[in-house]
Amino acid sequence: MAILLAVLLGVIQGVTEFLPISSTAHMTIFGHLCGMLDPQHPERWTATIAIVQLGTLGAVLAYFAGDVRTITAAVLRQTFVERIPPHRQGGAARLGWLVVGGSIPIGVLGLAFRSVIEGPLTKNPLLIVAMLASVAFLMLYAERMPGQRLLEELNFRDAVVVGIAQAMALLPGASRSGTTISVGLLLGYTREAAARFSFLLSIPALLASGLLELVSALQILPSADLQEVVIATLVAALSGYGAIAFLLHYLRTHRLDVFAYYRLGIAVLIGVLLWNGVLQ
């Protein structure tokens, strides 16, 4: 992997991880076009993506550092000092447990279908096209539901429903932020509330997937590629931080429509590339 390709990989991962346009779709198509995705060893590409995602984990941790500290301190204090049962805790601690509850679906499904996720099916451009288009229409429909509920009004049922939506992102082209923000809107939350919970919910998912793949990735990735993977990870952290700041600011006054139409355009483009034999 050349250094320039590593930088491009990091930029694509960082920007598309948090914008609702599917990082996996863009990364996989990029891997196909650049010859970095070896069809004979799809697990290497999955491992590469998982490691580079640690950069975006760093981005979301840095951006929400204050929230993470507040939530962690509140959970520890109310659990071990005040000895309040989790279901009765309030404020920041309550939000922390909602993030935990919302993370269960992707954790269970990710482990149950790990072999499928690491296999060739999830690298198939046809599946990517289908998911890009499907979630685009979901986003357009969700924008028709004016949400007024704030993050403070989030309950456990809604957190799990959003968590199930996050699990859809195990399919390439779905987009974790696209599915979670859309479902948040359908549940009646404001765009900003849906986006903030989506980003907080990404922390356990990115941490688990990155650490789970890291050990095996160090064994299956060629040693010559590790330096470039590190570069891509650092670039992903920087670009991811910028993407979070942009999207939160953008959603205060704008709809998701532009991202939905972009997804449809990319789906058409990939279809054309498949039709002309550029992608297999």
Protein backbone atom coordinates (compact mmCIF):
# COMPACT_ATOMS: atom_id res chain seq x y z
CA MET A 1 0.00 0.00 0.00
CA ALA A 2 1.61 3.29 -1.07
CA ILE A 3 1.65 6.23 1.33
CA LEU A 4 -0.59 8.32 -0.93
CA LEU A 5 -3.17 5.54 -1.03
CA ALA A 6 -2.92 5.25 2.77
CA VAL A 7 -3.65 8.98 3.15
CA LEU A 8 -6.62 8.73 0.78
CA LEU A 9 -7.84 5.68 2.69
CA GLY A 10 -7.68 7.60 5.95
CA VAL A 11 -9.53 10.62 4.53
CA ILE A 12 -12.28 8.44 3.06
CA GLN A 13 -12.69 6.49 6.30
CA GLY A 14 -12.68 9.56 8.52
CA VAL A 15 -15.15 11.58 6.45
CA THR A 16 -17.54 8.80 5.51
CA GLU A 17 -17.64 7.13 8.95
CA PHE A 18 -19.62 9.99 10.41
CA LEU A 19 -21.40 11.45 7.39
CA PRO A 20 -24.44 9.30 6.54
CA ILE A 21 -23.04 8.04 3.24
CA SER A 22 -21.50 4.69 4.33
CA SER A 23 -17.81 4.37 5.08
CA THR A 24 -17.81 0.64 4.29
CA ALA A 25 -19.25 1.25 0.82
CA HIS A 26 -16.70 3.92 -0.04
CA MET A 27 -13.80 1.98 1.48
CA THR A 28 -14.76 -1.25 -0.29
CA ILE A 29 -15.22 0.38 -3.70
CA PHE A 30 -11.96 2.28 -3.18
CA GLY A 31 -10.26 -1.01 -2.35
CA HIS A 32 -11.67 -2.63 -5.50
CA LEU A 33 -10.65 0.25 -7.80
CA CYS A 34 -7.15 0.58 -6.34
CA GLY A 35 -6.47 -3.14 -6.25
CA MET A 36 -6.03 -3.10 -2.48
CA LEU A 37 -8.87 -5.54 -1.87
CA ASP A 38 -7.69 -9.05 -2.67
CA PRO A 39 -10.75 -11.24 -3.48
CA GLN A 40 -8.73 -14.28 -2.41
CA HIS A 41 -8.14 -12.79 1.07
CA PRO A 42 -11.15 -10.59 1.93
CA GLU A 43 -10.38 -10.96 5.64
CA ARG A 44 -7.28 -8.81 5.17
CA TRP A 45 -9.40 -5.93 3.92
CA THR A 46 -11.83 -6.34 6.81
CA ALA A 47 -8.89 -6.24 9.23
CA THR A 48 -7.47 -3.13 7.55
CA ILE A 49 -10.80 -1.29 7.80
CA ALA A 50 -11.21 -2.30 11.46
CA ILE A 51 -7.79 -0.93 12.38
CA VAL A 52 -8.30 2.32 10.46
CA GLN A 53 -11.62 2.68 12.28
CA LEU A 54 -9.61 3.08 15.48
CA GLY A 55 -8.66 6.47 14.07
CA THR A 56 -12.31 7.48 13.87
CA LEU A 57 -12.75 6.15 17.41
CA GLY A 58 -10.04 8.57 18.45
CA ALA A 59 -11.89 11.36 16.66
CA VAL A 60 -15.20 10.77 18.42
CA LEU A 61 -13.48 10.36 21.79
CA ALA A 62 -11.63 13.64 21.30
CA TYR A 63 -14.72 15.53 20.16
CA PHE A 64 -16.93 14.21 22.95
CA ALA A 65 -14.18 14.03 25.60
CA GLY A 66 -16.19 16.20 27.99
CA ASP A 67 -19.31 14.07 27.56
CA VAL A 68 -17.35 10.84 28.00
CA ARG A 69 -15.70 12.09 31.21
CA THR A 70 -19.01 13.33 32.62
CA ILE A 71 -20.85 10.12 31.75
CA THR A 72 -18.10 7.86 33.11
CA ALA A 73 -17.79 9.80 36.35
CA ALA A 74 -21.56 9.84 36.85
CA VAL A 75 -21.89 6.08 36.28
CA LEU A 76 -19.04 5.28 38.67
CA ARG A 77 -20.33 7.65 41.35
CA GLN A 78 -23.96 6.54 41.24
CA THR A 79 -23.07 2.84 40.93
CA PHE A 80 -20.26 2.43 43.48
CA VAL A 81 -20.56 5.44 45.80
CA GLU A 82 -24.28 6.15 45.94
CA ARG A 83 -25.11 2.49 45.14
CA ILE A 84 -28.06 3.36 42.92
CA PRO A 85 -29.26 0.52 40.64
CA PRO A 86 -28.61 1.24 36.95
CA HIS A 87 -32.31 1.44 36.05
CA ARG A 88 -32.83 4.18 38.64
CA GLN A 89 -29.82 6.33 37.80
CA GLY A 90 -30.39 9.72 36.23
CA GLY A 91 -28.66 12.47 34.28
CA ALA A 92 -25.37 11.63 32.58
CA ALA A 93 -25.25 8.18 34.19
CA ARG A 94 -28.60 7.32 32.66
CA LEU A 95 -27.32 8.33 29.22
CA GLY A 96 -24.29 6.10 29.75
CA TRP A 97 -26.48 3.06 30.43
CA LEU A 98 -28.59 3.92 27.37
CA VAL A 99 -25.43 3.81 25.26
CA VAL A 100 -24.61 0.41 26.78
CA GLY A 101 -28.12 -0.89 26.06
CA GLY A 102 -28.08 0.48 22.54
CA SER A 103 -24.74 -1.24 21.87
CA ILE A 104 -26.01 -4.73 22.64
CA PRO A 105 -27.62 -5.47 19.23
CA ILE A 106 -24.52 -4.75 17.15
CA GLY A 107 -22.35 -6.64 19.64
CA VAL A 108 -24.51 -9.77 19.51
CA LEU A 109 -25.01 -9.71 15.73
CA GLY A 110 -21.41 -8.77 15.04
CA LEU A 111 -20.10 -11.79 16.93
CA ALA A 112 -22.80 -14.15 15.63
CA PHE A 113 -22.13 -13.27 11.98
CA ARG A 114 -18.43 -12.46 12.18
CA SER A 115 -17.47 -15.05 9.57
CA VAL A 116 -20.01 -13.61 7.13
CA ILE A 117 -18.88 -10.04 7.80
CA GLU A 118 -15.25 -10.98 7.14
CA GLY A 119 -16.15 -13.01 4.04
CA PRO A 120 -16.62 -12.07 0.38
CA LEU A 121 -20.39 -11.41 0.61
CA THR A 122 -19.91 -8.08 2.40
CA LYS A 123 -17.42 -6.99 -0.29
CA ASN A 124 -19.98 -7.50 -3.08
CA PRO A 125 -20.71 -4.23 -4.96
CA LEU A 126 -24.26 -5.40 -5.73
CA LEU A 127 -25.06 -5.58 -2.02
CA ILE A 128 -23.51 -2.16 -1.55
CA VAL A 129 -25.72 -0.68 -4.29
CA ALA A 130 -28.84 -2.18 -2.72
CA MET A 131 -28.04 -0.85 0.75
CA LEU A 132 -27.00 2.60 -0.49
CA ALA A 133 -30.35 3.03 -2.23
CA SER A 134 -32.46 1.46 0.54
CA VAL A 135 -31.08 3.65 3.32
CA ALA A 136 -31.28 6.72 1.05
CA PHE A 137 -35.05 6.23 0.79
CA LEU A 138 -35.21 5.61 4.56
CA MET A 139 -33.46 8.95 5.13
CA LEU A 140 -35.82 10.80 2.80
CA TYR A 141 -38.84 9.30 4.57
CA ALA A 142 -37.42 10.03 8.04
CA GLU A 143 -37.01 13.69 7.14
CA ARG A 144 -40.77 13.91 6.69
CA MET A 145 -41.21 13.24 10.41
CA PRO A 146 -40.60 16.51 12.28
CA GLY A 147 -38.87 15.59 15.53
CA GLN A 148 -39.14 17.67 18.71
CA ARG A 149 -37.82 15.26 21.38
CA LEU A 150 -34.49 16.08 23.00
CA LEU A 151 -31.67 13.73 23.99
CA GLU A 152 -32.73 14.06 27.64
CA GLU A 153 -36.04 12.39 26.71
CA LEU A 154 -34.38 9.25 25.32
CA ASN A 155 -35.61 6.03 26.95
CA PHE A 156 -34.25 2.49 27.00
CA ARG A 157 -36.67 1.16 24.37
CA ASP A 158 -35.72 3.87 21.91
CA ALA A 159 -32.01 3.35 22.64
CA VAL A 160 -32.31 -0.35 21.77
CA VAL A 161 -34.30 0.44 18.61
CA VAL A 162 -31.56 2.85 17.50
CA GLY A 163 -29.04 0.15 18.44
CA ILE A 164 -30.79 -2.32 16.15
CA ALA A 165 -30.58 0.30 13.40
CA GLN A 166 -26.84 0.59 14.09
CA ALA A 167 -26.52 -3.17 13.59
CA MET A 168 -27.77 -2.68 10.02
CA ALA A 169 -24.42 -1.01 9.35
CA LEU A 170 -22.83 -4.46 9.45
CA LEU A 171 -24.09 -4.60 5.86
CA PRO A 172 -21.86 -2.51 3.55
CA GLY A 173 -23.61 0.54 2.15
CA ALA A 174 -26.04 0.93 5.04
CA SER A 175 -24.09 3.58 7.01
CA ARG A 176 -24.13 3.48 10.78
CA SER A 177 -24.84 7.19 11.11
CA GLY A 178 -27.40 7.08 8.30
CA THR A 179 -29.46 4.33 9.87
CA THR A 180 -29.22 5.54 13.47
CA ILE A 181 -29.98 9.19 12.74
CA SER A 182 -32.89 8.23 10.46
CA VAL A 183 -34.42 5.93 13.07
CA GLY A 184 -33.89 8.62 15.69
CA LEU A 185 -35.91 11.00 13.51
CA LEU A 186 -38.62 8.37 13.05
CA LEU A 187 -38.83 8.07 16.83
CA GLY A 188 -39.50 11.79 17.05
CA TYR A 189 -36.10 13.17 18.11
CA THR A 190 -34.53 16.30 16.70
CA ARG A 191 -31.73 15.94 14.14
CA GLU A 192 -29.13 17.17 16.62
CA ALA A 193 -30.32 14.80 19.37
CA ALA A 194 -30.37 11.85 16.96
CA ALA A 195 -26.89 12.72 15.67
CA ARG A 196 -25.35 13.16 19.15
CA PHE A 197 -26.69 9.81 20.35
CA SER A 198 -25.51 8.23 17.09
CA PHE A 199 -21.97 9.46 17.71
CA LEU A 200 -21.96 8.40 21.37
CA LEU A 201 -23.32 5.01 20.35
CA SER A 202 -20.47 4.61 17.87
CA ILE A 203 -17.84 4.59 20.62
CA PRO A 204 -18.43 1.02 21.95
CA ALA A 205 -18.99 -0.29 18.40
CA LEU A 206 -15.77 1.20 16.99
CA LEU A 207 -13.79 0.18 20.07
CA ALA A 208 -15.05 -3.41 20.02
CA SER A 209 -14.60 -3.94 16.28
CA GLY A 210 -11.16 -2.34 16.26
CA LEU A 211 -9.79 -4.28 19.23
CA LEU A 212 -11.43 -7.52 18.10
CA GLU A 213 -9.71 -7.34 14.72
CA LEU A 214 -6.44 -5.80 15.91
CA VAL A 215 -4.85 -8.97 17.24
CA SER A 216 -5.76 -11.10 14.22
CA ALA A 217 -4.95 -8.21 11.85
CA LEU A 218 -1.39 -8.02 13.10
CA GLN A 219 -1.06 -11.71 12.23
CA ILE A 220 -2.69 -11.74 8.78
CA LEU A 221 -1.65 -8.38 7.35
CA PRO A 222 1.71 -8.28 5.53
CA SER A 223 4.27 -6.46 7.68
CA ALA A 224 5.02 -4.14 4.76
CA ASP A 225 1.46 -2.77 4.97
CA LEU A 226 1.44 -1.98 8.68
CA GLN A 227 3.21 1.39 8.33
CA GLU A 228 0.66 2.55 5.76
CA VAL A 229 -2.20 1.29 7.91
CA VAL A 230 -0.90 3.39 10.82
CA ILE A 231 -0.74 6.45 8.54
CA ALA A 232 -4.30 5.83 7.35
CA THR A 233 -5.46 5.51 10.96
CA LEU A 234 -3.93 8.85 11.97
CA VAL A 235 -5.40 10.60 8.93
CA ALA A 236 -8.80 9.04 9.69
CA ALA A 237 -8.66 10.55 13.19
CA LEU A 238 -8.08 14.07 11.86
CA SER A 239 -10.63 13.90 9.06
CA GLY A 240 -13.16 12.18 11.32
CA TYR A 241 -12.96 14.97 13.88
CA GLY A 242 -13.72 17.50 11.17
CA ALA A 243 -16.62 15.40 9.85
CA ILE A 244 -18.26 15.25 13.30
CA ALA A 245 -17.99 19.00 13.80
CA PHE A 246 -19.37 19.65 10.32
CA LEU A 247 -22.34 17.29 10.57
CA LEU A 248 -23.50 18.50 14.01
CA HIS A 249 -23.35 22.10 12.79
CA TYR A 250 -25.00 21.23 9.47
CA LEU A 251 -27.94 19.35 10.98
CA ARG A 252 -28.95 22.29 13.15
CA THR A 253 -30.35 24.03 10.09
CA HIS A 254 -30.32 21.50 7.24
CA ARG A 255 -32.03 18.26 6.29
CA LEU A 256 -30.52 14.89 5.40
CA ASP A 257 -31.81 15.08 1.82
CA VAL A 258 -28.50 16.06 0.24
CA PHE A 259 -26.83 12.96 1.69
CA ALA A 260 -29.69 10.75 0.52
CA TYR A 261 -29.40 12.05 -3.04
CA TYR A 262 -25.64 11.61 -2.90
CA ARG A 263 -26.14 7.98 -1.88
CA LEU A 264 -28.47 7.42 -4.82
CA GLY A 265 -25.93 9.00 -7.15
CA ILE A 266 -23.14 6.78 -5.85
CA ALA A 267 -25.39 3.73 -6.19
CA VAL A 268 -26.01 4.60 -9.84
CA LEU A 269 -22.29 5.20 -10.41
CA ILE A 270 -21.36 1.81 -8.94
CA GLY A 271 -24.05 0.21 -11.09
CA VAL A 272 -22.52 1.79 -14.19
CA LEU A 273 -19.05 0.58 -13.19
CA LEU A 274 -20.43 -2.93 -12.75
CA TRP A 275 -22.26 -2.78 -16.07
CA ASN A 276 -19.04 -1.77 -17.87
CA GLY A 277 -16.93 -4.38 -16.14
CA VAL A 278 -14.79 -1.91 -14.17
CA LEU A 279 -16.01 -3.61 -10.98
CA GLN A 280 -16.59 -7.33 -10.67
